[in-house]
Amino acid sequence: MKGEGKRNSKCLAYVAAFIVFQTIIILVFALTVMKIKSPKVRFGTVAVENFTPSTTNSSSFDMRLVAQVAIKNTNFGHFKYDSSNVTILYGGMPVGEAVIAEGRTKARKTQKFDVTVDITYDKLSGNTNLTNDIGSGYLMLSSQAKLSGKVQLMKVIKKKKTGEMSCTMRVNLGQRAIQDLKCN
């Protein structure tokens, strides 16, 4: 009879240890895998593909930018996003726009693709800042994009998340190149 009580207390200790171990595993799982974050949307590289100054107006020209968009998904589930737009701004005014087609970024991966943005400054002709910037050889541009979609974990949990991009860049008109690309 003495050994039976000892055996019962040993069994109870093993069950308690198993419950504590399972609780720790569930807690770690909930704090790492189940924590869903918004994806990061950034420009990777931006290239000036075409630059055509106007022959009639010194503050008007057309330019084509080819930008690599990178969507970084740090979640353990894929991010499926809807179609969206990338807008290029000069002095807060939109001067170009490109479409980001709907798609999906796999779990813990970065998806990269190129978008082409045609920029026209016809709307801004007469803007003294634009004339001064063209004269200096540098243009300050900014970009904005917002990708809305859902992160899906284990085909059961779906959570809406939005990735936003805000970048600034300086275009060197003489070299037709992008300098100082900074994304938040």
Protein backbone atom coordinates (compact mmCIF):
# COMPACT_ATOMS: atom_id res chain seq x y z
CA MET A 1 0.00 0.00 0.00
CA LYS A 2 2.86 2.36 0.65
CA GLY A 3 4.12 2.06 -2.94
CA GLU A 4 0.68 2.76 -4.39
CA GLY A 5 0.46 6.25 -2.84
CA LYS A 6 3.96 7.03 -4.08
CA ARG A 7 2.99 5.87 -7.56
CA ASN A 8 -0.14 8.03 -7.57
CA SER A 9 1.81 11.13 -6.55
CA LYS A 10 4.40 10.41 -9.27
CA CYS A 11 1.62 10.06 -11.86
CA LEU A 12 0.06 13.31 -10.63
CA ALA A 13 3.45 15.07 -10.94
CA TYR A 14 3.85 13.78 -14.51
CA VAL A 15 0.36 15.00 -15.46
CA ALA A 16 1.05 18.43 -13.91
CA ALA A 17 4.38 18.68 -15.76
CA PHE A 18 2.67 17.71 -19.03
CA ILE A 19 -0.01 20.39 -18.52
CA VAL A 20 2.62 23.06 -17.80
CA PHE A 21 4.63 21.98 -20.86
CA GLN A 22 1.54 22.10 -23.11
CA THR A 23 0.62 25.54 -21.75
CA ILE A 24 4.10 26.86 -22.58
CA ILE A 25 3.92 25.40 -26.11
CA ILE A 26 0.49 26.96 -26.72
CA LEU A 27 1.65 30.31 -25.34
CA VAL A 28 4.76 30.37 -27.56
CA PHE A 29 2.66 29.38 -30.58
CA ALA A 30 0.09 32.11 -29.87
CA LEU A 31 2.76 34.79 -29.41
CA THR A 32 4.78 33.96 -32.53
CA VAL A 33 2.87 32.13 -35.24
CA MET A 34 -0.58 33.53 -34.50
CA LYS A 35 0.58 37.15 -34.28
CA ILE A 36 -0.48 38.65 -37.62
CA LYS A 37 1.37 41.76 -38.84
CA SER A 38 0.78 44.14 -41.73
CA PRO A 39 3.00 43.45 -44.76
CA LYS A 40 5.67 45.97 -45.73
CA VAL A 41 5.37 47.60 -49.17
CA ARG A 42 8.46 49.38 -50.55
CA PHE A 43 10.17 50.46 -53.74
CA GLY A 44 13.23 48.31 -54.37
CA THR A 45 14.83 50.18 -57.24
CA VAL A 46 13.54 52.94 -59.48
CA ALA A 47 14.94 53.71 -62.92
CA VAL A 48 14.25 56.60 -65.29
CA GLU A 49 13.50 54.85 -68.56
CA ASN A 50 12.44 57.79 -70.67
CA PHE A 51 12.78 61.54 -70.30
CA THR A 52 11.43 63.92 -72.95
CA PRO A 53 11.55 67.67 -72.32
CA SER A 54 9.00 69.86 -74.05
CA THR A 55 10.30 72.03 -76.85
CA THR A 56 7.62 74.69 -76.33
CA ASN A 57 7.51 75.03 -72.54
CA SER A 58 10.55 74.98 -70.23
CA SER A 59 8.49 73.61 -67.30
CA SER A 60 6.83 70.73 -69.11
CA PHE A 61 8.11 67.26 -69.96
CA ASP A 62 7.23 63.58 -69.90
CA MET A 63 9.10 60.90 -68.00
CA ARG A 64 8.69 57.16 -67.51
CA LEU A 65 9.76 55.48 -64.28
CA VAL A 66 10.17 51.74 -63.90
CA ALA A 67 9.92 50.88 -60.22
CA GLN A 68 10.42 47.55 -58.52
CA VAL A 69 7.75 47.08 -55.85
CA ALA A 70 8.58 44.71 -53.00
CA ILE A 71 5.90 43.25 -50.73
CA LYS A 72 7.43 41.63 -47.66
CA ASN A 73 5.13 39.24 -45.80
CA THR A 74 6.54 38.31 -42.38
CA ASN A 75 3.51 36.25 -41.37
CA PHE A 76 3.20 32.46 -41.23
CA GLY A 77 0.24 32.64 -43.63
CA HIS A 78 -0.06 34.03 -47.16
CA PHE A 79 -1.22 37.61 -47.86
CA LYS A 80 -3.80 37.92 -50.62
CA TYR A 81 -4.25 41.55 -51.69
CA ASP A 82 -6.68 43.41 -53.91
CA SER A 83 -5.81 45.56 -56.91
CA SER A 84 -4.40 48.95 -55.94
CA ASN A 85 -2.57 52.00 -57.31
CA VAL A 86 0.86 53.55 -56.88
CA THR A 87 0.70 57.33 -57.13
CA ILE A 88 3.71 59.55 -57.85
CA LEU A 89 3.42 63.09 -56.49
CA TYR A 90 5.28 66.34 -57.07
CA GLY A 91 4.67 68.96 -54.41
CA GLY A 92 1.64 67.03 -53.18
CA MET A 93 0.02 66.98 -56.63
CA PRO A 94 -0.37 63.64 -58.48
CA VAL A 95 1.67 63.50 -61.68
CA GLY A 96 1.59 59.76 -62.41
CA GLU A 97 -0.17 56.58 -61.46
CA ALA A 98 0.30 52.84 -62.02
CA VAL A 99 -1.85 49.84 -61.20
CA ILE A 100 -0.74 47.05 -58.89
CA ALA A 101 -2.69 43.97 -59.95
CA GLU A 102 -4.25 41.77 -57.31
CA GLY A 103 -2.03 38.97 -56.15
CA ARG A 104 -0.70 36.84 -53.36
CA THR A 105 2.54 36.88 -51.39
CA LYS A 106 3.52 33.55 -49.83
CA ALA A 107 4.16 33.14 -46.13
CA ARG A 108 7.49 34.56 -44.91
CA LYS A 109 8.49 35.64 -48.44
CA THR A 110 9.11 38.86 -50.35
CA GLN A 111 7.39 39.25 -53.70
CA LYS A 112 9.00 41.62 -56.21
CA PHE A 113 7.59 42.92 -59.48
CA ASP A 114 7.99 45.96 -61.73
CA VAL A 115 5.47 48.71 -62.37
CA THR A 116 5.77 51.38 -65.04
CA VAL A 117 4.63 54.90 -64.22
CA ASP A 118 4.21 57.53 -66.93
CA ILE A 119 4.72 61.00 -65.46
CA THR A 120 3.42 64.12 -67.16
CA TYR A 121 3.96 67.62 -65.88
CA ASP A 122 1.53 69.36 -68.24
CA LYS A 123 -0.90 70.00 -65.37
CA LEU A 124 1.77 71.79 -63.40
CA SER A 125 3.03 74.13 -66.12
CA GLY A 126 3.33 77.63 -64.78
CA ASN A 127 4.38 76.31 -61.35
CA THR A 128 7.40 78.42 -60.36
CA ASN A 129 8.79 75.67 -58.11
CA LEU A 130 8.78 73.25 -61.04
CA THR A 131 10.61 75.74 -63.26
CA ASN A 132 13.22 76.31 -60.52
CA ASP A 133 13.64 72.56 -59.89
CA ILE A 134 14.09 71.86 -63.60
CA GLY A 135 16.66 74.65 -63.73
CA SER A 136 18.55 73.11 -60.79
CA GLY A 137 18.52 69.69 -62.50
CA TYR A 138 16.78 67.87 -59.63
CA LEU A 139 13.15 66.99 -58.96
CA MET A 140 11.83 65.82 -55.59
CA LEU A 141 9.10 63.22 -56.01
CA SER A 142 7.13 61.20 -53.52
CA SER A 143 5.08 58.05 -53.91
CA GLN A 144 2.17 56.49 -52.10
CA ALA A 145 0.51 53.10 -52.25
CA LYS A 146 -1.89 51.17 -50.06
CA LEU A 147 -2.41 47.41 -50.40
CA SER A 148 -5.45 45.99 -48.63
CA GLY A 149 -6.04 42.30 -48.25
CA LYS A 150 -6.23 39.33 -45.93
CA VAL A 151 -3.63 37.21 -44.21
CA GLN A 152 -4.75 33.58 -44.04
CA LEU A 153 -3.31 31.21 -41.43
CA MET A 154 -3.82 27.46 -41.73
CA LYS A 155 -6.83 27.96 -44.05
CA VAL A 156 -8.90 28.78 -40.97
CA ILE A 157 -7.94 32.18 -39.62
CA LYS A 158 -8.34 35.19 -41.92
CA LYS A 159 -7.43 38.68 -40.77
CA LYS A 160 -7.67 41.92 -42.78
CA LYS A 161 -4.37 43.80 -43.02
CA THR A 162 -3.13 46.79 -44.99
CA GLY A 163 0.39 47.52 -46.18
CA GLU A 164 1.21 51.16 -46.88
CA MET A 165 4.12 52.73 -48.72
CA SER A 166 5.41 56.28 -48.61
CA CYS A 167 8.67 56.97 -50.42
CA THR A 168 10.60 60.06 -51.43
CA MET A 169 13.16 60.24 -54.22
CA ARG A 170 15.27 62.81 -55.97
CA VAL A 171 15.48 62.59 -59.75
CA ASN A 172 18.74 63.80 -61.29
CA LEU A 173 17.54 65.14 -64.65
CA GLY A 174 21.06 65.47 -66.08
CA GLN A 175 21.96 61.82 -65.44
CA ARG A 176 18.38 60.60 -65.75
CA ALA A 177 18.78 58.61 -62.54
CA ILE A 178 17.16 58.33 -59.13
CA GLN A 179 19.11 59.48 -56.10
CA ASP A 180 18.26 59.32 -52.39
CA LEU A 181 15.37 56.85 -52.50
CA LYS A 182 13.91 56.65 -48.98
CA CYS A 183 10.86 54.61 -47.99
CA ASN A 184 9.01 54.61 -44.70
